[in-house]
């Protein structure tokens, strides 16, 4: 089973990010930001970041075209303007990103999906990309700011606790229709989180 890490650069100093990556023996950063730069944290701008990572023996690839949260195909957006992650990750564009990632894995790379948000719970790298990868057999490990690891399964539980805190308590409909399908409940929790954090097309008008 291939392991794929994720990390948020947050407000770290670059040296701290590199320390987090080296602590997990990561040797490839897959930048999943649609816009790979930061006005507040210029150390994470694409060109300078790639240069500094290379000096530390860590390769860099921009994957925003395939794994970014701001996609251009309108067919994957909901009527009120937010990107439906499950729809997009079933698309040929996303699957091309997976193919490109697999090509790098076959070369012995240990990748990390990097975005900006500190907490994977608030980021498409976990709710969109890692979710889709986990469903097809990849082992996902989210590197937290303190260097500890959150697995995708642990993230699943966090989502269920937020959106379905009483899921283990049967109600009258459960008794009539039978037990609720846990996979469907989890998928609904991901959809709710998707809607809560997704970039919306209306935001493009403000940029």
C-alpha atoms as a PDB file:
ATOM      1  CA  UNK A   1       0.000   0.000   0.000  1.00  0.00           C
ATOM      2  CA  UNK A   2       1.459   3.366  -1.039  1.00  0.00           C
ATOM      3  CA  UNK A   3       1.716   6.032   1.652  1.00  0.00           C
ATOM      4  CA  UNK A   4       0.835   9.621   0.787  1.00  0.00           C
ATOM      5  CA  UNK A   5       1.380  12.374   3.345  1.00  0.00           C
ATOM      6  CA  UNK A   6      -0.296  15.765   3.478  1.00  0.00           C
ATOM      7  CA  UNK A   7       0.779  18.994   5.162  1.00  0.00           C
ATOM      8  CA  UNK A   8      -0.305  22.627   5.411  1.00  0.00           C
ATOM      9  CA  UNK A   9       2.421  25.242   5.230  1.00  0.00           C
ATOM     10  CA  UNK A  10       0.310  27.490   7.478  1.00  0.00           C
ATOM     11  CA  UNK A  11       2.405  30.328   8.942  1.00  0.00           C
ATOM     12  CA  UNK A  12       5.479  28.160   9.462  1.00  0.00           C
ATOM     13  CA  UNK A  13       8.932  29.371   8.733  1.00  0.00           C
ATOM     14  CA  UNK A  14      10.295  27.470   5.758  1.00  0.00           C
ATOM     15  CA  UNK A  15      12.860  25.782   7.989  1.00  0.00           C
ATOM     16  CA  UNK A  16      10.056  24.369  10.137  1.00  0.00           C
ATOM     17  CA  UNK A  17       8.206  22.985   7.127  1.00  0.00           C
ATOM     18  CA  UNK A  18      11.373  21.285   5.919  1.00  0.00           C
ATOM     19  CA  UNK A  19      11.909  19.869   9.398  1.00  0.00           C
ATOM     20  CA  UNK A  20       8.394  18.392   9.387  1.00  0.00           C
ATOM     21  CA  UNK A  21       8.962  16.813   5.968  1.00  0.00           C
ATOM     22  CA  UNK A  22      12.364  15.376   6.775  1.00  0.00           C
ATOM     23  CA  UNK A  23      10.959  13.939   9.987  1.00  0.00           C
ATOM     24  CA  UNK A  24       8.741  11.694   7.849  1.00  0.00           C
ATOM     25  CA  UNK A  25      11.430  11.073   5.183  1.00  0.00           C
ATOM     26  CA  UNK A  26       9.350  12.917   2.586  1.00  0.00           C
ATOM     27  CA  UNK A  27      11.376  13.600  -0.563  1.00  0.00           C
ATOM     28  CA  UNK A  28       8.707  15.054  -2.851  1.00  0.00           C
ATOM     29  CA  UNK A  29       6.301  17.959  -2.384  1.00  0.00           C
ATOM     30  CA  UNK A  30       3.193  17.893  -4.569  1.00  0.00           C
ATOM     31  CA  UNK A  31       1.845  21.437  -4.315  1.00  0.00           C
ATOM     32  CA  UNK A  32      -1.946  21.180  -4.613  1.00  0.00           C
ATOM     33  CA  UNK A  33      -2.649  24.912  -4.353  1.00  0.00           C
ATOM     34  CA  UNK A  34      -4.490  26.265  -7.374  1.00  0.00           C
ATOM     35  CA  UNK A  35      -2.608  29.529  -6.912  1.00  0.00           C
ATOM     36  CA  UNK A  36       0.888  28.552  -5.711  1.00  0.00           C
ATOM     37  CA  UNK A  37       1.928  31.754  -4.018  1.00  0.00           C
ATOM     38  CA  UNK A  38       1.240  33.652  -0.818  1.00  0.00           C
ATOM     39  CA  UNK A  39       1.296  37.401  -0.231  1.00  0.00           C
ATOM     40  CA  UNK A  40       1.519  36.911   3.530  1.00  0.00           C
ATOM     41  CA  UNK A  41       4.120  34.147   3.397  1.00  0.00           C
ATOM     42  CA  UNK A  42       6.306  34.727   0.327  1.00  0.00           C
ATOM     43  CA  UNK A  43       8.642  31.908   1.389  1.00  0.00           C
ATOM     44  CA  UNK A  44       5.958  29.604  -0.022  1.00  0.00           C
ATOM     45  CA  UNK A  45       5.781  31.172  -3.480  1.00  0.00           C
ATOM     46  CA  UNK A  46       6.220  28.496  -6.109  1.00  0.00           C
ATOM     47  CA  UNK A  47       9.616  29.464  -7.525  1.00  0.00           C
ATOM     48  CA  UNK A  48      11.363  30.250  -4.239  1.00  0.00           C
ATOM     49  CA  UNK A  49       9.848  27.224  -2.500  1.00  0.00           C
ATOM     50  CA  UNK A  50      10.923  24.854  -5.273  1.00  0.00           C
ATOM     51  CA  UNK A  51      14.447  26.270  -5.176  1.00  0.00           C
ATOM     52  CA  UNK A  52      14.826  25.950  -1.401  1.00  0.00           C
ATOM     53  CA  UNK A  53      13.334  22.449  -1.300  1.00  0.00           C
ATOM     54  CA  UNK A  54      15.715  21.294  -4.025  1.00  0.00           C
ATOM     55  CA  UNK A  55      18.646  22.548  -1.986  1.00  0.00           C
ATOM     56  CA  UNK A  56      17.407  20.314   0.840  1.00  0.00           C
ATOM     57  CA  UNK A  57      17.120  17.245  -1.397  1.00  0.00           C
ATOM     58  CA  UNK A  58      13.327  17.436  -1.669  1.00  0.00           C
ATOM     59  CA  UNK A  59      11.793  17.482  -5.148  1.00  0.00           C
ATOM     60  CA  UNK A  60       8.895  19.807  -6.008  1.00  0.00           C
ATOM     61  CA  UNK A  61       6.012  19.412  -8.465  1.00  0.00           C
ATOM     62  CA  UNK A  62       3.015  21.705  -8.908  1.00  0.00           C
ATOM     63  CA  UNK A  63      -0.176  19.596  -9.048  1.00  0.00           C
ATOM     64  CA  UNK A  64      -2.688  22.432  -8.846  1.00  0.00           C
ATOM     65  CA  UNK A  65      -4.010  21.718 -12.334  1.00  0.00           C
ATOM     66  CA  UNK A  66      -5.157  18.236 -11.288  1.00  0.00           C
ATOM     67  CA  UNK A  67      -5.501  18.415  -7.510  1.00  0.00           C
ATOM     68  CA  UNK A  68      -6.361  22.086  -6.978  1.00  0.00           C
ATOM     69  CA  UNK A  69      -9.581  23.277  -5.355  1.00  0.00           C
ATOM     70  CA  UNK A  70     -10.373  25.822  -8.079  1.00  0.00           C
ATOM     71  CA  UNK A  71     -11.320  23.910 -11.190  1.00  0.00           C
ATOM     72  CA  UNK A  72     -12.473  25.408 -14.489  1.00  0.00           C
ATOM     73  CA  UNK A  73     -14.995  22.789 -15.616  1.00  0.00           C
ATOM     74  CA  UNK A  74     -18.408  24.170 -14.652  1.00  0.00           C
ATOM     75  CA  UNK A  75     -19.973  20.711 -14.745  1.00  0.00           C
ATOM     76  CA  UNK A  76     -18.452  19.884 -11.343  1.00  0.00           C
ATOM     77  CA  UNK A  77     -19.976  22.897  -9.580  1.00  0.00           C
ATOM     78  CA  UNK A  78     -23.223  22.858  -7.641  1.00  0.00           C
ATOM     79  CA  UNK A  79     -26.012  25.297  -8.643  1.00  0.00           C
ATOM     80  CA  UNK A  80     -24.991  27.737  -5.899  1.00  0.00           C
ATOM     81  CA  UNK A  81     -21.400  27.783  -7.078  1.00  0.00           C
ATOM     82  CA  UNK A  82     -19.309  25.432  -4.949  1.00  0.00           C
ATOM     83  CA  UNK A  83     -17.128  22.672  -6.349  1.00  0.00           C
ATOM     84  CA  UNK A  84     -18.499  19.177  -5.706  1.00  0.00           C
ATOM     85  CA  UNK A  85     -15.384  17.252  -4.713  1.00  0.00           C
ATOM     86  CA  UNK A  86     -16.859  13.801  -5.339  1.00  0.00           C
ATOM     87  CA  UNK A  87     -17.868  14.836  -8.837  1.00  0.00           C
ATOM     88  CA  UNK A  88     -14.494  16.300  -9.677  1.00  0.00           C
ATOM     89  CA  UNK A  89     -12.436  13.411  -8.286  1.00  0.00           C
ATOM     90  CA  UNK A  90     -14.322  11.029 -10.592  1.00  0.00           C
ATOM     91  CA  UNK A  91     -13.206  13.060 -13.608  1.00  0.00           C
ATOM     92  CA  UNK A  92     -10.454  12.252 -16.137  1.00  0.00           C
ATOM     93  CA  UNK A  93      -8.576  15.402 -15.054  1.00  0.00           C
ATOM     94  CA  UNK A  94      -8.262  14.229 -11.465  1.00  0.00           C
ATOM     95  CA  UNK A  95      -7.386  10.705 -12.528  1.00  0.00           C
ATOM     96  CA  UNK A  96      -4.588  12.094 -14.705  1.00  0.00           C
ATOM     97  CA  UNK A  97      -3.166  13.656 -11.558  1.00  0.00           C
ATOM     98  CA  UNK A  98      -3.312  10.277  -9.835  1.00  0.00           C
ATOM     99  CA  UNK A  99      -1.529   8.717 -12.796  1.00  0.00           C
ATOM    100  CA  UNK A 100       1.207  11.337 -12.629  1.00  0.00           C
ATOM    101  CA  UNK A 101       1.553  10.800  -8.885  1.00  0.00           C
ATOM    102  CA  UNK A 102       1.800   7.035  -9.408  1.00  0.00           C
ATOM    103  CA  UNK A 103       4.588   7.613 -11.909  1.00  0.00           C
ATOM    104  CA  UNK A 104       6.550   9.427  -9.203  1.00  0.00           C
ATOM    105  CA  UNK A 105       5.746   6.769  -6.601  1.00  0.00           C
ATOM    106  CA  UNK A 106       7.141   4.132  -8.938  1.00  0.00           C
ATOM    107  CA  UNK A 107      10.423   6.033  -8.862  1.00  0.00           C
ATOM    108  CA  UNK A 108      10.596   5.582  -5.101  1.00  0.00           C
ATOM    109  CA  UNK A 109       9.356   9.019  -4.136  1.00  0.00           C
ATOM    110  CA  UNK A 110       7.673   9.600  -0.782  1.00  0.00           C
ATOM    111  CA  UNK A 111       5.153  12.374  -1.515  1.00  0.00           C
ATOM    112  CA  UNK A 112       3.382  14.966   0.556  1.00  0.00           C
ATOM    113  CA  UNK A 113       0.354  16.897  -0.708  1.00  0.00           C
ATOM    114  CA  UNK A 114       0.988  20.481   0.372  1.00  0.00           C
ATOM    115  CA  UNK A 115      -1.607  23.217   0.703  1.00  0.00           C
ATOM    116  CA  UNK A 116      -1.911  26.298   2.910  1.00  0.00           C
ATOM    117  CA  UNK A 117      -4.369  25.448   5.690  1.00  0.00           C
ATOM    118  CA  UNK A 118      -2.927  24.292   8.989  1.00  0.00           C
ATOM    119  CA  UNK A 119      -5.729  21.849   9.841  1.00  0.00           C
ATOM    120  CA  UNK A 120      -6.549  19.144   7.269  1.00  0.00           C
ATOM    121  CA  UNK A 121     -10.151  19.299   8.477  1.00  0.00           C
ATOM    122  CA  UNK A 122     -10.373  22.715   6.817  1.00  0.00           C
ATOM    123  CA  UNK A 123      -8.553  21.896   3.598  1.00  0.00           C
ATOM    124  CA  UNK A 124      -9.410  20.348   0.248  1.00  0.00           C
ATOM    125  CA  UNK A 125      -6.147  18.374   0.369  1.00  0.00           C
ATOM    126  CA  UNK A 126      -7.855  16.144   2.952  1.00  0.00           C
ATOM    127  CA  UNK A 127     -11.555  16.501   2.184  1.00  0.00           C
ATOM    128  CA  UNK A 128     -11.166  16.210  -1.594  1.00  0.00           C
ATOM    129  CA  UNK A 129      -7.826  14.729  -2.644  1.00  0.00           C
ATOM    130  CA  UNK A 130      -6.927  12.471   0.286  1.00  0.00           C
ATOM    131  CA  UNK A 131     -10.516  11.252   0.592  1.00  0.00           C
ATOM    132  CA  UNK A 132     -10.507  10.133  -3.044  1.00  0.00           C
ATOM    133  CA  UNK A 133      -7.084   8.528  -2.743  1.00  0.00           C
ATOM    134  CA  UNK A 134      -8.037   6.668   0.432  1.00  0.00           C
ATOM    135  CA  UNK A 135     -11.050   5.155  -1.324  1.00  0.00           C
ATOM    136  CA  UNK A 136      -8.736   3.620  -3.927  1.00  0.00           C
ATOM    137  CA  UNK A 137      -6.286   2.099  -1.489  1.00  0.00           C
ATOM    138  CA  UNK A 138      -3.655   4.698  -0.642  1.00  0.00           C
ATOM    139  CA  UNK A 139      -2.664   5.078   3.003  1.00  0.00           C
ATOM    140  CA  UNK A 140      -3.067   8.723   3.980  1.00  0.00           C
ATOM    141  CA  UNK A 141      -1.123  10.377   6.788  1.00  0.00           C
ATOM    142  CA  UNK A 142      -1.705  14.032   7.611  1.00  0.00           C
ATOM    143  CA  UNK A 143       1.296  15.763   9.174  1.00  0.00           C
ATOM    144  CA  UNK A 144       0.073  18.172  11.845  1.00  0.00           C
ATOM    145  CA  UNK A 145       1.834  21.344  12.969  1.00  0.00           C
ATOM    146  CA  UNK A 146       3.418  19.617  15.981  1.00  0.00           C
ATOM    147  CA  UNK A 147       4.767  16.779  13.828  1.00  0.00           C
ATOM    148  CA  UNK A 148       2.173  14.218  14.903  1.00  0.00           C
ATOM    149  CA  UNK A 149       0.116  12.202  12.415  1.00  0.00           C
ATOM    150  CA  UNK A 150      -3.613  12.143  11.792  1.00  0.00           C
ATOM    151  CA  UNK A 151      -4.776   9.242   9.635  1.00  0.00           C
ATOM    152  CA  UNK A 152      -7.622   9.519   7.156  1.00  0.00           C
ATOM    153  CA  UNK A 153      -9.599   7.078   9.290  1.00  0.00           C
ATOM    154  CA  UNK A 154      -9.195   9.406  12.274  1.00  0.00           C
ATOM    155  CA  UNK A 155     -10.334  12.299  10.110  1.00  0.00           C
ATOM    156  CA  UNK A 156     -13.372  10.229   9.126  1.00  0.00           C
ATOM    157  CA  UNK A 157     -14.295   9.906  12.787  1.00  0.00           C
ATOM    158  CA  UNK A 158     -13.832  13.629  13.352  1.00  0.00           C
ATOM    159  CA  UNK A 159     -16.214  14.362  10.477  1.00  0.00           C
ATOM    160  CA  UNK A 160     -18.800  11.914  11.769  1.00  0.00           C
ATOM    161  CA  UNK A 161     -18.555  13.383  15.278  1.00  0.00           C
ATOM    162  CA  UNK A 162     -19.222  16.859  13.881  1.00  0.00           C
ATOM    163  CA  UNK A 163     -22.056  16.117  11.495  1.00  0.00           C
ATOM    164  CA  UNK A 164     -23.611  12.971  12.942  1.00  0.00           C
ATOM    165  CA  UNK A 165     -22.841  13.004  16.668  1.00  0.00           C
ATOM    166  CA  UNK A 166     -25.841  10.781  17.453  1.00  0.00           C
ATOM    167  CA  UNK A 167     -25.212   8.296  14.671  1.00  0.00           C
ATOM    168  CA  UNK A 168     -25.031   5.328  17.049  1.00  0.00           C
ATOM    169  CA  UNK A 169     -28.421   6.096  18.590  1.00  0.00           C
ATOM    170  CA  UNK A 170     -31.196   4.377  16.558  1.00  0.00           C
ATOM    171  CA  UNK A 171     -34.320   6.353  15.763  1.00  0.00           C
ATOM    172  CA  UNK A 172     -37.731   5.216  14.607  1.00  0.00           C
ATOM    173  CA  UNK A 173     -36.718   5.347  10.911  1.00  0.00           C
ATOM    174  CA  UNK A 174     -33.738   3.077  11.554  1.00  0.00           C
ATOM    175  CA  UNK A 175     -36.049   0.554  13.195  1.00  0.00           C
ATOM    176  CA  UNK A 176     -38.416   0.637  10.232  1.00  0.00           C
ATOM    177  CA  UNK A 177     -35.866   0.716   7.392  1.00  0.00           C
ATOM    178  CA  UNK A 178     -33.018  -1.208   8.969  1.00  0.00           C
ATOM    179  CA  UNK A 179     -29.565  -0.015   9.949  1.00  0.00           C
ATOM    180  CA  UNK A 180     -28.113   3.076   8.271  1.00  0.00           C
ATOM    181  CA  UNK A 181     -25.312   2.331   5.815  1.00  0.00           C
ATOM    182  CA  UNK A 182     -22.101   3.653   7.493  1.00  0.00           C
ATOM    183  CA  UNK A 183     -20.468   4.316   4.116  1.00  0.00           C
ATOM    184  CA  UNK A 184     -23.381   6.508   3.041  1.00  0.00           C
ATOM    185  CA  UNK A 185     -23.316   8.365   6.345  1.00  0.00           C
ATOM    186  CA  UNK A 186     -19.596   9.033   5.951  1.00  0.00           C
ATOM    187  CA  UNK A 187     -20.072  10.178   2.351  1.00  0.00           C
ATOM    188  CA  UNK A 188     -22.747  12.597   3.530  1.00  0.00           C
ATOM    189  CA  UNK A 189     -20.408  13.931   6.213  1.00  0.00           C
ATOM    190  CA  UNK A 190     -17.754  14.548   3.554  1.00  0.00           C
ATOM    191  CA  UNK A 191     -20.319  16.321   1.380  1.00  0.00           C
ATOM    192  CA  UNK A 192     -21.309  18.584   4.257  1.00  0.00           C
ATOM    193  CA  UNK A 193     -17.681  19.458   4.938  1.00  0.00           C
ATOM    194  CA  UNK A 194     -17.106  19.929   1.212  1.00  0.00           C
ATOM    195  CA  UNK A 195     -19.881  22.508   1.067  1.00  0.00           C
ATOM    196  CA  UNK A 196     -18.568  24.264   4.174  1.00  0.00           C
ATOM    197  CA  UNK A 197     -15.004  24.773   2.949  1.00  0.00           C
ATOM    198  CA  UNK A 198     -15.219  24.765  -0.859  1.00  0.00           C
ATOM    199  CA  UNK A 199     -14.046  27.665  -2.961  1.00  0.00           C
ATOM    200  CA  UNK A 200     -16.986  29.236  -4.728  1.00  0.00           C
ATOM    201  CA  UNK A 201     -17.139  30.593  -8.240  1.00  0.00           C
ATOM    202  CA  UNK A 202     -18.553  33.880  -6.928  1.00  0.00           C
ATOM    203  CA  UNK A 203     -15.222  34.445  -5.169  1.00  0.00           C
ATOM    204  CA  UNK A 204     -13.529  34.805  -8.548  1.00  0.00           C
ATOM    205  CA  UNK A 205     -15.400  38.083  -9.055  1.00  0.00           C
ATOM    206  CA  UNK A 206     -13.678  39.533  -5.986  1.00  0.00           C
ATOM    207  CA  UNK A 207     -10.168  38.787  -7.215  1.00  0.00           C
END
